[in-house]
Amino acid sequence: MFPRIATAAAALSLSLALSHPATAAVQPFPPAFKAQTIQAGDAALHVVTGGHGPAVVLLHGFGDTGAMWSPLAARLAASHTVVVPDLRGMGLSSHPAGGYDKWTQAGDVRAVLDKLGIDHAVVVGHDIGTMVAFAYASRYPDRTDRLVVMDAPVPGIPPWEQILRNPLLWHFSFGGPDAERLVAGRERIYLDRFWNEFAGDPKKVDEATRSYYAKLYARPGAMHSAFAQFLSFPKDAEVNQKVVANKLPMPVLAIGGAKSFGANEAVVMRNAATNVTEVVIPDAGHWLMEEAPEATMAAIQKFADGK
């Protein structure tokens, strides 16, 4: 979860029906899409796939699950094979004891693609998904056609140390047994903090959407795994500081919300990649797919199509 860093820096079942219950506001995946479980090492990942053509992988972040991508998946399916996993420990995926560093999770994504018979893909990430997408592109550059990163810093990539000094990011080190006890039964209250403070317009993250995701994050083990994503940042930073010596060669699209990370998304990526295109979504905060879906999807689709 990433607040308005631009300002601060300048200053459950495997079925689609159960994945998107009728009471939820999230848009269901198209009926032709398939939900399945794919084993990736010690993690059993919930994965939704559909469409035909060159592959696009969509990676969610904290406060969401793969369900956040359903409108984009429907849009891309006419010309792309779309792969939407829930990250390990999140959504409808299992909750392994470890492996929440992003390098390991890049391996999870590769295991999913291998199982599906997909050799290379465009990889898109938002929030924590940005960090996993970056790790994937670093680990498998020859199998990453293009990379899209959205409204999140990357551990270890400048200006990471400056970003860590932002007091709004206290949650980066929030975790452990006591933190889990404090949040248990109060998952909705905890998540509301992110949906309210990091949105350009909190009303864009509506009540039904909040309720849907809060119930998933209240599942046994879910918040423990979510906290583990953040507590792995020091390890992620250590790995990224080594791999960044070889900048990413593939085209990169860096998208930021104007009221959140903004143009800093491209600033980060220019420190790690050779070919970066910058897009800032006007009036949007961190929750780009909820706050400005049309502008966000148009930018991703254009880039995924190689335009």
C-alpha atoms as a PDB file:
ATOM      1  CA  MET A   1       0.000   0.000   0.000  1.00  0.00           C
ATOM      2  CA  PHE A   2       1.518   3.245  -1.034  1.00  0.00           C
ATOM      3  CA  PRO A   3       0.266   6.697  -0.052  1.00  0.00           C
ATOM      4  CA  ARG A   4       0.749  10.013  -1.775  1.00  0.00           C
ATOM      5  CA  ILE A   5       4.500   9.575  -2.041  1.00  0.00           C
ATOM      6  CA  ALA A   6       4.692  12.085  -4.876  1.00  0.00           C
ATOM      7  CA  THR A   7       3.617  14.811  -2.463  1.00  0.00           C
ATOM      8  CA  ALA A   8       5.772  13.504   0.365  1.00  0.00           C
ATOM      9  CA  ALA A   9       8.830  13.101  -1.828  1.00  0.00           C
ATOM     10  CA  ALA A  10       8.399  16.534  -3.313  1.00  0.00           C
ATOM     11  CA  ALA A  11       7.769  17.567   0.154  1.00  0.00           C
ATOM     12  CA  LEU A  12     -12.366 -18.849  -1.791  1.00  0.00           C
ATOM     13  CA  SER A  13     -13.431 -22.435  -3.745  1.00  0.00           C
ATOM     14  CA  LEU A  14     -11.916 -22.465  -7.167  1.00  0.00           C
ATOM     15  CA  SER A  15     -14.988 -21.473  -9.122  1.00  0.00           C
ATOM     16  CA  LEU A  16     -15.405 -18.090 -10.718  1.00  0.00           C
ATOM     17  CA  ALA A  17     -18.802 -17.828  -9.083  1.00  0.00           C
ATOM     18  CA  LEU A  18     -17.344 -18.204  -5.611  1.00  0.00           C
ATOM     19  CA  SER A  19     -14.411 -15.972  -6.487  1.00  0.00           C
ATOM     20  CA  HIS A  20     -16.952 -13.241  -7.255  1.00  0.00           C
ATOM     21  CA  PRO A  21     -20.046 -13.731  -5.117  1.00  0.00           C
ATOM     22  CA  ALA A  22     -23.253 -12.036  -6.186  1.00  0.00           C
ATOM     23  CA  THR A  23     -23.038  -9.576  -3.299  1.00  0.00           C
ATOM     24  CA  ALA A  24     -19.674  -8.216  -4.429  1.00  0.00           C
ATOM     25  CA  ALA A  25     -19.184  -5.058  -6.436  1.00  0.00           C
ATOM     26  CA  VAL A  26     -16.161  -6.442  -8.256  1.00  0.00           C
ATOM     27  CA  GLN A  27     -16.892  -7.254 -11.869  1.00  0.00           C
ATOM     28  CA  PRO A  28     -16.840 -11.009 -12.533  1.00  0.00           C
ATOM     29  CA  PHE A  29     -14.445 -12.473 -15.049  1.00  0.00           C
ATOM     30  CA  PRO A  30     -16.056 -13.369 -18.392  1.00  0.00           C
ATOM     31  CA  PRO A  31     -17.868 -16.737 -18.376  1.00  0.00           C
ATOM     32  CA  ALA A  32     -15.307 -18.243 -20.752  1.00  0.00           C
ATOM     33  CA  PHE A  33     -12.504 -17.678 -18.245  1.00  0.00           C
ATOM     34  CA  LYS A  34     -11.316 -20.665 -16.210  1.00  0.00           C
ATOM     35  CA  ALA A  35     -10.319 -20.782 -12.541  1.00  0.00           C
ATOM     36  CA  GLN A  36      -7.880 -23.429 -11.352  1.00  0.00           C
ATOM     37  CA  THR A  37      -5.284 -24.175  -8.710  1.00  0.00           C
ATOM     38  CA  ILE A  38      -1.654 -24.394  -9.861  1.00  0.00           C
ATOM     39  CA  GLN A  39       1.108 -25.637  -7.566  1.00  0.00           C
ATOM     40  CA  ALA A  40       4.158 -23.374  -7.406  1.00  0.00           C
ATOM     41  CA  GLY A  41       6.668 -24.907  -5.021  1.00  0.00           C
ATOM     42  CA  ASP A  42       5.079 -24.850  -1.577  1.00  0.00           C
ATOM     43  CA  ALA A  43       2.224 -22.565  -2.692  1.00  0.00           C
ATOM     44  CA  ALA A  44      -1.078 -23.538  -4.279  1.00  0.00           C
ATOM     45  CA  LEU A  45      -2.051 -20.525  -6.372  1.00  0.00           C
ATOM     46  CA  HIS A  46      -5.559 -19.622  -7.440  1.00  0.00           C
ATOM     47  CA  VAL A  47      -5.262 -18.669 -11.111  1.00  0.00           C
ATOM     48  CA  VAL A  48      -7.837 -17.357 -13.574  1.00  0.00           C
ATOM     49  CA  THR A  49      -7.120 -17.585 -17.306  1.00  0.00           C
ATOM     50  CA  GLY A  50      -8.898 -16.698 -20.525  1.00  0.00           C
ATOM     51  CA  GLY A  51      -8.590 -15.202 -23.980  1.00  0.00           C
ATOM     52  CA  HIS A  52      -6.339 -15.994 -26.931  1.00  0.00           C
ATOM     53  CA  GLY A  53      -3.098 -14.528 -28.234  1.00  0.00           C
ATOM     54  CA  PRO A  54       0.173 -13.269 -26.720  1.00  0.00           C
ATOM     55  CA  ALA A  55       0.154 -13.686 -22.951  1.00  0.00           C
ATOM     56  CA  VAL A  56      -0.364 -10.930 -20.384  1.00  0.00           C
ATOM     57  CA  VAL A  57       0.103 -11.638 -16.661  1.00  0.00           C
ATOM     58  CA  LEU A  58      -1.724  -9.369 -14.192  1.00  0.00           C
ATOM     59  CA  LEU A  59      -0.365  -9.191 -10.619  1.00  0.00           C
ATOM     60  CA  HIS A  60      -2.366  -7.558  -7.825  1.00  0.00           C
ATOM     61  CA  GLY A  61      -1.193  -5.944  -4.599  1.00  0.00           C
ATOM     62  CA  PHE A  62      -2.231  -5.508  -0.965  1.00  0.00           C
ATOM     63  CA  GLY A  63      -5.834  -4.528  -0.319  1.00  0.00           C
ATOM     64  CA  ASP A  64      -6.899  -6.276  -3.530  1.00  0.00           C
ATOM     65  CA  THR A  65      -6.746  -9.747  -5.057  1.00  0.00           C
ATOM     66  CA  GLY A  66      -6.599 -10.880  -8.664  1.00  0.00           C
ATOM     67  CA  ALA A  67     -10.265  -9.893  -8.849  1.00  0.00           C
ATOM     68  CA  MET A  68      -9.185  -6.253  -9.231  1.00  0.00           C
ATOM     69  CA  TRP A  69      -8.135  -7.055 -12.803  1.00  0.00           C
ATOM     70  CA  SER A  70     -11.423  -8.519 -14.062  1.00  0.00           C
ATOM     71  CA  PRO A  71     -12.410  -5.462 -16.177  1.00  0.00           C
ATOM     72  CA  LEU A  72      -8.972  -5.340 -17.800  1.00  0.00           C
ATOM     73  CA  ALA A  73      -8.922  -9.111 -18.311  1.00  0.00           C
ATOM     74  CA  ALA A  74     -12.218  -8.914 -20.180  1.00  0.00           C
ATOM     75  CA  ARG A  75     -10.861  -6.102 -22.325  1.00  0.00           C
ATOM     76  CA  LEU A  76      -7.589  -7.855 -23.182  1.00  0.00           C
ATOM     77  CA  ALA A  77      -9.085 -11.294 -23.848  1.00  0.00           C
ATOM     78  CA  ALA A  78      -9.987 -10.547 -27.470  1.00  0.00           C
ATOM     79  CA  SER A  79      -6.312 -10.305 -28.414  1.00  0.00           C
ATOM     80  CA  HIS A  80      -4.352 -11.791 -25.512  1.00  0.00           C
ATOM     81  CA  THR A  81      -4.193 -14.842 -23.299  1.00  0.00           C
ATOM     82  CA  VAL A  82      -4.737 -13.364 -19.839  1.00  0.00           C
ATOM     83  CA  VAL A  83      -3.291 -14.966 -16.694  1.00  0.00           C
ATOM     84  CA  VAL A  84      -4.420 -13.649 -13.294  1.00  0.00           C
ATOM     85  CA  PRO A  85      -2.979 -15.341 -10.199  1.00  0.00           C
ATOM     86  CA  ASP A  86      -3.662 -14.512  -6.582  1.00  0.00           C
ATOM     87  CA  LEU A  87      -0.207 -14.055  -5.041  1.00  0.00           C
ATOM     88  CA  ARG A  88       0.901 -16.593  -2.465  1.00  0.00           C
ATOM     89  CA  GLY A  89      -0.841 -16.027   0.849  1.00  0.00           C
ATOM     90  CA  MET A  90      -3.447 -13.707  -0.675  1.00  0.00           C
ATOM     91  CA  GLY A  91      -6.939 -14.035  -2.095  1.00  0.00           C
ATOM     92  CA  LEU A  92      -7.834 -17.666  -2.703  1.00  0.00           C
ATOM     93  CA  SER A  93      -4.246 -18.912  -2.815  1.00  0.00           C
ATOM     94  CA  SER A  94      -2.711 -20.957  -0.002  1.00  0.00           C
ATOM     95  CA  HIS A  95      -0.731 -19.524   2.923  1.00  0.00           C
ATOM     96  CA  PRO A  96       2.760 -21.045   2.985  1.00  0.00           C
ATOM     97  CA  ALA A  97       4.978 -20.405   5.978  1.00  0.00           C
ATOM     98  CA  GLY A  98       7.505 -18.451   3.904  1.00  0.00           C
ATOM     99  CA  GLY A  99       8.525 -17.401   0.430  1.00  0.00           C
ATOM    100  CA  TYR A 100       7.116 -13.866   0.561  1.00  0.00           C
ATOM    101  CA  ASP A 101      10.234 -12.283  -0.833  1.00  0.00           C
ATOM    102  CA  LYS A 102       9.520 -11.107  -4.362  1.00  0.00           C
ATOM    103  CA  TRP A 103      12.271 -13.185  -6.010  1.00  0.00           C
ATOM    104  CA  THR A 104      10.560 -16.355  -4.782  1.00  0.00           C
ATOM    105  CA  GLN A 105       7.197 -15.052  -5.944  1.00  0.00           C
ATOM    106  CA  ALA A 106       8.669 -14.350  -9.370  1.00  0.00           C
ATOM    107  CA  GLY A 107       9.395 -18.072  -9.395  1.00  0.00           C
ATOM    108  CA  ASP A 108       5.747 -18.691  -8.509  1.00  0.00           C
ATOM    109  CA  VAL A 109       4.687 -16.740 -11.591  1.00  0.00           C
ATOM    110  CA  ARG A 110       7.147 -18.671 -13.762  1.00  0.00           C
ATOM    111  CA  ALA A 111       5.780 -21.974 -12.415  1.00  0.00           C
ATOM    112  CA  VAL A 112       2.247 -20.889 -13.347  1.00  0.00           C
ATOM    113  CA  LEU A 113       3.289 -19.956 -16.871  1.00  0.00           C
ATOM    114  CA  ASP A 114       5.217 -23.205 -17.298  1.00  0.00           C
ATOM    115  CA  LYS A 115       2.146 -25.173 -16.241  1.00  0.00           C
ATOM    116  CA  LEU A 116       0.075 -23.247 -18.792  1.00  0.00           C
ATOM    117  CA  GLY A 117       2.650 -23.794 -21.538  1.00  0.00           C
ATOM    118  CA  ILE A 118       3.447 -20.078 -21.864  1.00  0.00           C
ATOM    119  CA  ASP A 119       7.065 -19.227 -22.646  1.00  0.00           C
ATOM    120  CA  HIS A 120       7.008 -15.409 -22.527  1.00  0.00           C
ATOM    121  CA  ALA A 121       4.570 -12.677 -21.569  1.00  0.00           C
ATOM    122  CA  VAL A 122       3.855  -9.042 -20.879  1.00  0.00           C
ATOM    123  CA  VAL A 123       3.873  -8.685 -17.074  1.00  0.00           C
ATOM    124  CA  VAL A 124       1.739  -6.069 -15.302  1.00  0.00           C
ATOM    125  CA  GLY A 125       1.860  -5.289 -11.584  1.00  0.00           C
ATOM    126  CA  HIS A 126       0.193  -2.912  -9.152  1.00  0.00           C
ATOM    127  CA  ASP A 127       1.362  -2.199  -5.579  1.00  0.00           C
ATOM    128  CA  ILE A 128       3.037  -5.388  -4.214  1.00  0.00           C
ATOM    129  CA  GLY A 129       2.388  -6.830  -7.673  1.00  0.00           C
ATOM    130  CA  THR A 130       4.741  -4.166  -9.078  1.00  0.00           C
ATOM    131  CA  MET A 131       7.519  -5.534  -6.890  1.00  0.00           C
ATOM    132  CA  VAL A 132       6.821  -9.112  -7.981  1.00  0.00           C
ATOM    133  CA  ALA A 133       6.636  -8.013 -11.628  1.00  0.00           C
ATOM    134  CA  PHE A 134       9.994  -6.226 -11.290  1.00  0.00           C
ATOM    135  CA  ALA A 135      11.540  -9.325  -9.720  1.00  0.00           C
ATOM    136  CA  TYR A 136      10.118 -11.467 -12.512  1.00  0.00           C
ATOM    137  CA  ALA A 137      11.538  -9.204 -15.226  1.00  0.00           C
ATOM    138  CA  SER A 138      14.917  -9.196 -13.449  1.00  0.00           C
ATOM    139  CA  ARG A 139      14.965 -12.968 -13.022  1.00  0.00           C
ATOM    140  CA  TYR A 140      13.552 -13.823 -16.460  1.00  0.00           C
ATOM    141  CA  PRO A 141      14.431 -10.913 -18.771  1.00  0.00           C
ATOM    142  CA  ASP A 142      14.437 -13.093 -21.889  1.00  0.00           C
ATOM    143  CA  ARG A 143      10.896 -14.252 -21.114  1.00  0.00           C
ATOM    144  CA  THR A 144       9.474 -10.807 -20.337  1.00  0.00           C
ATOM    145  CA  ASP A 145       8.234  -9.079 -23.484  1.00  0.00           C
ATOM    146  CA  ARG A 146       7.200  -5.868 -21.745  1.00  0.00           C
ATOM    147  CA  LEU A 147       6.784  -4.717 -18.149  1.00  0.00           C
ATOM    148  CA  VAL A 148       4.098  -2.489 -16.633  1.00  0.00           C
ATOM    149  CA  VAL A 149       4.592  -1.157 -13.098  1.00  0.00           C
ATOM    150  CA  MET A 150       1.884   0.790 -11.304  1.00  0.00           C
ATOM    151  CA  ASP A 151       1.989   3.228  -8.398  1.00  0.00           C
ATOM    152  CA  ALA A 152       4.548   1.601  -6.132  1.00  0.00           C
ATOM    153  CA  PRO A 153       8.233   1.936  -5.355  1.00  0.00           C
ATOM    154  CA  VAL A 154      10.614  -0.991  -5.762  1.00  0.00           C
ATOM    155  CA  PRO A 155      12.639  -2.003  -2.682  1.00  0.00           C
ATOM    156  CA  GLY A 156      16.284  -1.073  -3.049  1.00  0.00           C
ATOM    157  CA  ILE A 157      15.839   1.029  -6.194  1.00  0.00           C
ATOM    158  CA  PRO A 158      16.448   4.766  -5.649  1.00  0.00           C
ATOM    159  CA  PRO A 159      14.933   6.789  -4.154  1.00  0.00           C
ATOM    160  CA  TRP A 160      14.036   3.847  -1.861  1.00  0.00           C
ATOM    161  CA  GLU A 161      15.823   5.224   1.217  1.00  0.00           C
ATOM    162  CA  GLN A 162      14.054   8.555   0.819  1.00  0.00           C
ATOM    163  CA  ILE A 163      10.703   6.807   0.429  1.00  0.00           C
ATOM    164  CA  LEU A 164      11.272   4.830   3.631  1.00  0.00           C
ATOM    165  CA  ARG A 165      11.513   8.096   5.578  1.00  0.00           C
ATOM    166  CA  ASN A 166       7.903   8.938   4.743  1.00  0.00           C
ATOM    167  CA  PRO A 167       6.032   8.626   8.087  1.00  0.00           C
ATOM    168  CA  LEU A 168       2.898   7.449   6.295  1.00  0.00           C
ATOM    169  CA  LEU A 169       4.705   4.208   5.480  1.00  0.00           C
ATOM    170  CA  TRP A 170       4.796   2.866   9.052  1.00  0.00           C
ATOM    171  CA  HIS A 171       2.980  -0.217   7.800  1.00  0.00           C
ATOM    172  CA  PHE A 172       6.096  -1.347   5.916  1.00  0.00           C
ATOM    173  CA  SER A 173       7.403  -2.705   9.234  1.00  0.00           C
ATOM    174  CA  PHE A 174       4.064  -3.531  10.861  1.00  0.00           C
ATOM    175  CA  GLY A 175       3.682  -7.229  11.500  1.00  0.00           C
ATOM    176  CA  GLY A 176       4.335 -10.054  13.908  1.00  0.00           C
ATOM    177  CA  PRO A 177       2.129 -11.797  16.494  1.00  0.00           C
ATOM    178  CA  ASP A 178       1.071  -8.650  18.365  1.00  0.00           C
ATOM    179  CA  ALA A 179       0.161  -6.799  15.164  1.00  0.00           C
ATOM    180  CA  GLU A 180      -1.844  -9.794  14.013  1.00  0.00           C
ATOM    181  CA  ARG A 181      -3.732  -9.890  17.333  1.00  0.00           C
ATOM    182  CA  LEU A 182      -4.494  -6.179  17.057  1.00  0.00           C
ATOM    183  CA  VAL A 183      -5.929  -6.547  13.550  1.00  0.00           C
ATOM    184  CA  ALA A 184      -7.745  -9.869  14.064  1.00  0.00           C
ATOM    185  CA  GLY A 185     -11.479  -9.239  13.731  1.00  0.00           C
ATOM    186  CA  ARG A 186     -10.720  -5.653  12.683  1.00  0.00           C
ATOM    187  CA  GLU A 187      -9.444  -6.332   9.174  1.00  0.00           C
ATOM    188  CA  ARG A 188     -11.978  -3.962   7.641  1.00  0.00           C
ATOM    189  CA  ILE A 189     -10.893  -1.121   9.927  1.00  0.00           C
ATOM    190  CA  TYR A 190      -7.244  -1.704   9.039  1.00  0.00           C
ATOM    191  CA  LEU A 191      -7.924  -1.885   5.300  1.00  0.00           C
ATOM    192  CA  ASP A 192     -10.133   1.220   5.368  1.00  0.00           C
ATOM    193  CA  ARG A 193      -7.062   3.199   6.365  1.00  0.00           C
ATOM    194  CA  PHE A 194      -5.420   2.349   3.018  1.00  0.00           C
ATOM    195  CA  TRP A 195      -8.536   2.764   0.900  1.00  0.00           C
ATOM    196  CA  ASN A 196      -9.260   6.157   2.495  1.00  0.00           C
ATOM    197  CA  GLU A 197      -5.813   7.711   2.838  1.00  0.00           C
ATOM    198  CA  PHE A 198      -4.274   6.523  -0.412  1.00  0.00           C
ATOM    199  CA  ALA A 199      -7.164   7.253  -2.769  1.00  0.00           C
ATOM    200  CA  GLY A 200      -7.559  10.501  -4.637  1.00  0.00           C
ATOM    201  CA  ASP A 201     -11.282  10.064  -4.014  1.00  0.00           C
ATOM    202  CA  PRO A 202     -12.088   7.423  -1.352  1.00  0.00           C
ATOM    203  CA  LYS A 203     -15.668   7.158  -2.616  1.00  0.00           C
ATOM    204  CA  LYS A 204     -14.311   5.473  -5.756  1.00  0.00           C
ATOM    205  CA  VAL A 205     -13.537   2.428  -3.602  1.00  0.00           C
ATOM    206  CA  ASP A 206     -17.166   1.690  -2.822  1.00  0.00           C
ATOM    207  CA  GLU A 207     -18.690  -0.092   0.153  1.00  0.00           C
ATOM    208  CA  ALA A 208     -19.393  -3.381  -1.599  1.00  0.00           C
ATOM    209  CA  THR A 209     -15.824  -3.556  -2.952  1.00  0.00           C
ATOM    210  CA  ARG A 210     -14.410  -2.890   0.497  1.00  0.00           C
ATOM    211  CA  SER A 211     -16.621  -5.554   2.044  1.00  0.00           C
ATOM    212  CA  TYR A 212     -15.613  -8.099  -0.590  1.00  0.00           C
ATOM    213  CA  TYR A 213     -11.874  -7.685  -0.058  1.00  0.00           C
ATOM    214  CA  ALA A 214     -12.134  -7.315   3.728  1.00  0.00           C
ATOM    215  CA  LYS A 215     -13.794 -10.734   3.935  1.00  0.00           C
ATOM    216  CA  LEU A 216     -10.957 -12.302   1.947  1.00  0.00           C
ATOM    217  CA  TYR A 217      -8.337 -10.665   4.172  1.00  0.00           C
ATOM    218  CA  ALA A 218     -10.201 -11.941   7.247  1.00  0.00           C
ATOM    219  CA  ARG A 219      -9.683 -15.566   6.186  1.00  0.00           C
ATOM    220  CA  PRO A 220      -7.412 -17.606   8.478  1.00  0.00           C
ATOM    221  CA  GLY A 221      -3.777 -16.792   7.829  1.00  0.00           C
ATOM    222  CA  ALA A 222      -4.506 -13.995   5.363  1.00  0.00           C
ATOM    223  CA  MET A 223      -3.231 -11.036   7.373  1.00  0.00           C
ATOM    224  CA  HIS A 224      -0.197 -13.000   8.558  1.00  0.00           C
ATOM    225  CA  SER A 225       0.708 -13.589   4.911  1.00  0.00           C
ATOM    226  CA  ALA A 226      -0.079  -9.993   3.950  1.00  0.00           C
ATOM    227  CA  PHE A 227       2.202  -8.650   6.671  1.00  0.00           C
ATOM    228  CA  ALA A 228       4.900 -11.061   5.465  1.00  0.00           C
ATOM    229  CA  GLN A 229       4.801  -9.357   2.050  1.00  0.00           C
ATOM    230  CA  PHE A 230       5.898  -6.096   3.690  1.00  0.00           C
ATOM    231  CA  LEU A 231       8.319  -7.616   6.193  1.00  0.00           C
ATOM    232  CA  SER A 232      10.202  -9.118   3.237  1.00  0.00           C
ATOM    233  CA  PHE A 233      11.107  -5.679   1.867  1.00  0.00           C
ATOM    234  CA  PRO A 234      14.642  -5.629   3.368  1.00  0.00           C
ATOM    235  CA  LYS A 235      15.419  -8.942   1.653  1.00  0.00           C
ATOM    236  CA  ASP A 236      13.827  -7.663  -1.560  1.00  0.00           C
ATOM    237  CA  ALA A 237      15.961  -4.517  -1.399  1.00  0.00           C
ATOM    238  CA  GLU A 238      19.131  -6.531  -0.942  1.00  0.00           C
ATOM    239  CA  VAL A 239      18.370  -8.650  -4.009  1.00  0.00           C
ATOM    240  CA  ASN A 240      17.328  -5.695  -6.167  1.00  0.00           C
ATOM    241  CA  GLN A 241      20.444  -3.699  -5.336  1.00  0.00           C
ATOM    242  CA  LYS A 242      22.460  -6.540  -6.852  1.00  0.00           C
ATOM    243  CA  VAL A 243      20.366  -7.203  -9.955  1.00  0.00           C
ATOM    244  CA  VAL A 244      19.977  -3.527 -10.880  1.00  0.00           C
ATOM    245  CA  ALA A 245      23.617  -3.499 -11.995  1.00  0.00           C
ATOM    246  CA  ASN A 246      22.170  -4.893 -15.227  1.00  0.00           C
ATOM    247  CA  LYS A 247      19.299  -2.613 -16.157  1.00  0.00           C
ATOM    248  CA  LEU A 248      16.136  -4.171 -17.522  1.00  0.00           C
ATOM    249  CA  PRO A 249      16.314  -4.284 -21.325  1.00  0.00           C
ATOM    250  CA  MET A 250      12.620  -4.656 -22.177  1.00  0.00           C
ATOM    251  CA  PRO A 251      10.214  -1.707 -22.688  1.00  0.00           C
ATOM    252  CA  VAL A 252       8.718  -0.555 -19.394  1.00  0.00           C
ATOM    253  CA  LEU A 253       5.518   1.409 -18.812  1.00  0.00           C
ATOM    254  CA  ALA A 254       5.524   3.281 -15.490  1.00  0.00           C
ATOM    255  CA  ILE A 255       2.037   4.402 -14.402  1.00  0.00           C
ATOM    256  CA  GLY A 256       1.375   6.581 -11.369  1.00  0.00           C
ATOM    257  CA  GLY A 257      -1.701   8.255  -9.975  1.00  0.00           C
ATOM    258  CA  ALA A 258      -1.369  12.048 -10.027  1.00  0.00           C
ATOM    259  CA  LYS A 259      -2.508  12.174  -6.378  1.00  0.00           C
ATOM    260  CA  SER A 260      -0.236   9.323  -5.326  1.00  0.00           C
ATOM    261  CA  PHE A 261       3.135   8.172  -6.678  1.00  0.00           C
ATOM    262  CA  GLY A 262       2.688  10.149  -9.889  1.00  0.00           C
ATOM    263  CA  ALA A 263       5.765  10.726 -12.050  1.00  0.00           C
ATOM    264  CA  ASN A 264       7.958   9.153  -9.371  1.00  0.00           C
ATOM    265  CA  GLU A 265       7.016   5.751 -10.777  1.00  0.00           C
ATOM    266  CA  ALA A 266       9.048   6.608 -13.882  1.00  0.00           C
ATOM    267  CA  VAL A 267      11.827   8.131 -11.766  1.00  0.00           C
ATOM    268  CA  VAL A 268      12.262   4.803  -9.979  1.00  0.00           C
ATOM    269  CA  MET A 269      12.166   2.760 -13.154  1.00  0.00           C
ATOM    270  CA  ARG A 270      14.680   4.953 -14.998  1.00  0.00           C
ATOM    271  CA  ASN A 271      17.123   3.907 -12.300  1.00  0.00           C
ATOM    272  CA  ALA A 272      16.498   0.265 -13.191  1.00  0.00           C
ATOM    273  CA  ALA A 273      15.559   0.074 -16.884  1.00  0.00           C
ATOM    274  CA  THR A 274      16.790   1.456 -20.201  1.00  0.00           C
ATOM    275  CA  ASN A 275      13.482   2.104 -21.986  1.00  0.00           C
ATOM    276  CA  VAL A 276      10.803   3.695 -19.809  1.00  0.00           C
ATOM    277  CA  THR A 277       7.519   5.281 -20.885  1.00  0.00           C
ATOM    278  CA  GLU A 278       5.811   7.488 -18.301  1.00  0.00           C
ATOM    279  CA  VAL A 279       2.054   7.818 -17.789  1.00  0.00           C
ATOM    280  CA  VAL A 280       0.446   9.830 -14.972  1.00  0.00           C
ATOM    281  CA  ILE A 281      -3.293   9.278 -14.508  1.00  0.00           C
ATOM    282  CA  PRO A 282      -4.982  12.633 -13.733  1.00  0.00           C
ATOM    283  CA  ASP A 283      -6.948  13.029 -10.485  1.00  0.00           C
ATOM    284  CA  ALA A 284      -6.269   9.429  -9.414  1.00  0.00           C
ATOM    285  CA  GLY A 285      -4.698   8.199  -6.217  1.00  0.00           C
ATOM    286  CA  HIS A 286      -3.180   4.790  -5.582  1.00  0.00           C
ATOM    287  CA  TRP A 287      -6.234   2.692  -6.521  1.00  0.00           C
ATOM    288  CA  LEU A 288      -5.934   3.173 -10.268  1.00  0.00           C
ATOM    289  CA  MET A 289      -8.262   0.390 -11.393  1.00  0.00           C
ATOM    290  CA  GLU A 290     -10.975   1.567  -9.026  1.00  0.00           C
ATOM    291  CA  GLU A 291     -10.481   5.330  -9.405  1.00  0.00           C
ATOM    292  CA  ALA A 292      -9.699   5.720 -13.108  1.00  0.00           C
ATOM    293  CA  PRO A 293     -10.334   2.385 -14.814  1.00  0.00           C
ATOM    294  CA  GLU A 294     -10.782   3.645 -18.374  1.00  0.00           C
ATOM    295  CA  ALA A 295      -7.607   5.728 -18.496  1.00  0.00           C
ATOM    296  CA  THR A 296      -5.628   3.011 -16.749  1.00  0.00           C
ATOM    297  CA  MET A 297      -6.866   0.189 -18.959  1.00  0.00           C
ATOM    298  CA  ALA A 298      -6.372   2.199 -22.141  1.00  0.00           C
ATOM    299  CA  ALA A 299      -2.735   2.872 -21.238  1.00  0.00           C
ATOM    300  CA  ILE A 300      -2.039  -0.772 -20.400  1.00  0.00           C
ATOM    301  CA  GLN A 301      -3.796  -2.148 -23.468  1.00  0.00           C
ATOM    302  CA  LYS A 302      -1.963   0.219 -25.809  1.00  0.00           C
ATOM    303  CA  PHE A 303       1.374  -0.766 -24.316  1.00  0.00           C
ATOM    304  CA  ALA A 304       0.590  -4.496 -24.245  1.00  0.00           C
ATOM    305  CA  ASP A 305      -0.316  -4.274 -27.922  1.00  0.00           C
ATOM    306  CA  GLY A 306       3.117  -2.816 -28.642  1.00  0.00           C
ATOM    307  CA  LYS A 307       1.858   0.610 -29.591  1.00  0.00           C
END
